[in-house]
Amino acid sequence: MLDPITGSPILMALAALALIAVAITAVRFAIKIAIRVGLVAAVVLAGIYTVGYLGII
């Protein structure tokens, strides 16, 4: 199945570039998601701390 791709250096280079582009896109997406999750967690924890500190619950 991979024989036509591995036989041509040009196709190998294009496949490598595509793989690098996909990896970069995935890492950027993961970083954005991690930042958003971190911000939400910080807000939730601050809210829980405030509620606990004020003794509402």
C-alpha atoms as a PDB file:
ATOM      1  CA  MET A   1       0.000   0.000   0.000  1.00  0.00           C
ATOM      2  CA  LEU A   2       2.823   2.424   0.837  1.00  0.00           C
ATOM      3  CA  ASP A   3       5.074   1.215  -1.962  1.00  0.00           C
ATOM      4  CA  PRO A   4       4.075   3.960  -4.469  1.00  0.00           C
ATOM      5  CA  ILE A   5       4.683   6.648  -1.841  1.00  0.00           C
ATOM      6  CA  THR A   6       8.006   5.323  -0.576  1.00  0.00           C
ATOM      7  CA  GLY A   7       9.291   4.881  -4.124  1.00  0.00           C
ATOM      8  CA  SER A   8       9.198   8.589  -4.950  1.00  0.00           C
ATOM      9  CA  PRO A   9      11.261  11.155  -3.024  1.00  0.00           C
ATOM     10  CA  ILE A  10       8.901  13.951  -4.056  1.00  0.00           C
ATOM     11  CA  LEU A  11       5.888  12.115  -2.672  1.00  0.00           C
ATOM     12  CA  MET A  12       7.813  11.296   0.497  1.00  0.00           C
ATOM     13  CA  ALA A  13       8.666  14.998   0.943  1.00  0.00           C
ATOM     14  CA  LEU A  14       5.045  16.014   0.372  1.00  0.00           C
ATOM     15  CA  ALA A  15       3.839  13.390   2.835  1.00  0.00           C
ATOM     16  CA  ALA A  16       6.357  14.625   5.412  1.00  0.00           C
ATOM     17  CA  LEU A  17       5.251  18.237   4.907  1.00  0.00           C
ATOM     18  CA  ALA A  18       1.609  17.231   5.276  1.00  0.00           C
ATOM     19  CA  LEU A  19       2.405  15.327   8.456  1.00  0.00           C
ATOM     20  CA  ILE A  20       4.291  18.314   9.894  1.00  0.00           C
ATOM     21  CA  ALA A  21       1.412  20.670   9.007  1.00  0.00           C
ATOM     22  CA  VAL A  22      -1.114  18.380  10.691  1.00  0.00           C
ATOM     23  CA  ALA A  23       1.084  18.086  13.792  1.00  0.00           C
ATOM     24  CA  ILE A  24       1.518  21.864  14.053  1.00  0.00           C
ATOM     25  CA  THR A  25      -2.219  22.427  13.658  1.00  0.00           C
ATOM     26  CA  ALA A  26      -3.006  19.800  16.290  1.00  0.00           C
ATOM     27  CA  VAL A  27      -0.545  21.303  18.776  1.00  0.00           C
ATOM     28  CA  ARG A  28      -1.910  24.814  18.252  1.00  0.00           C
ATOM     29  CA  PHE A  29      -5.475  23.552  18.732  1.00  0.00           C
ATOM     30  CA  ALA A  30      -4.464  21.642  21.874  1.00  0.00           C
ATOM     31  CA  ILE A  31      -2.792  24.732  23.326  1.00  0.00           C
ATOM     32  CA  LYS A  32      -5.899  26.849  22.702  1.00  0.00           C
ATOM     33  CA  ILE A  33      -8.124  24.243  24.336  1.00  0.00           C
ATOM     34  CA  ALA A  34      -5.742  23.914  27.310  1.00  0.00           C
ATOM     35  CA  ILE A  35      -5.744  27.679  27.863  1.00  0.00           C
ATOM     36  CA  ARG A  36      -9.547  27.811  27.759  1.00  0.00           C
ATOM     37  CA  VAL A  37      -9.891  24.862  30.127  1.00  0.00           C
ATOM     38  CA  GLY A  38      -7.361  26.448  32.484  1.00  0.00           C
ATOM     39  CA  LEU A  39      -9.241  29.750  32.523  1.00  0.00           C
ATOM     40  CA  VAL A  40     -12.560  28.031  33.197  1.00  0.00           C
ATOM     41  CA  ALA A  41     -10.992  25.962  35.975  1.00  0.00           C
ATOM     42  CA  ALA A  42      -9.470  29.085  37.532  1.00  0.00           C
ATOM     43  CA  VAL A  43     -12.825  30.881  37.533  1.00  0.00           C
ATOM     44  CA  VAL A  44     -14.611  27.851  38.991  1.00  0.00           C
ATOM     45  CA  LEU A  45     -12.000  27.375  41.710  1.00  0.00           C
ATOM     46  CA  ALA A  46     -12.065  31.083  42.552  1.00  0.00           C
ATOM     47  CA  GLY A  47     -15.845  30.899  42.850  1.00  0.00           C
ATOM     48  CA  ILE A  48     -15.696  27.841  45.085  1.00  0.00           C
ATOM     49  CA  TYR A  49     -13.025  29.487  47.238  1.00  0.00           C
ATOM     50  CA  THR A  50     -15.079  32.683  47.537  1.00  0.00           C
ATOM     51  CA  VAL A  51     -18.232  30.781  48.463  1.00  0.00           C
ATOM     52  CA  GLY A  52     -16.315  28.769  51.043  1.00  0.00           C
ATOM     53  CA  TYR A  53     -14.545  31.839  52.420  1.00  0.00           C
ATOM     54  CA  LEU A  54     -17.782  33.775  52.827  1.00  0.00           C
ATOM     55  CA  GLY A  55     -19.421  30.774  54.468  1.00  0.00           C
ATOM     56  CA  ILE A  56     -22.462  30.779  52.180  1.00  0.00           C
ATOM     57  CA  ILE A  57     -22.547  26.990  51.992  1.00  0.00           C
END
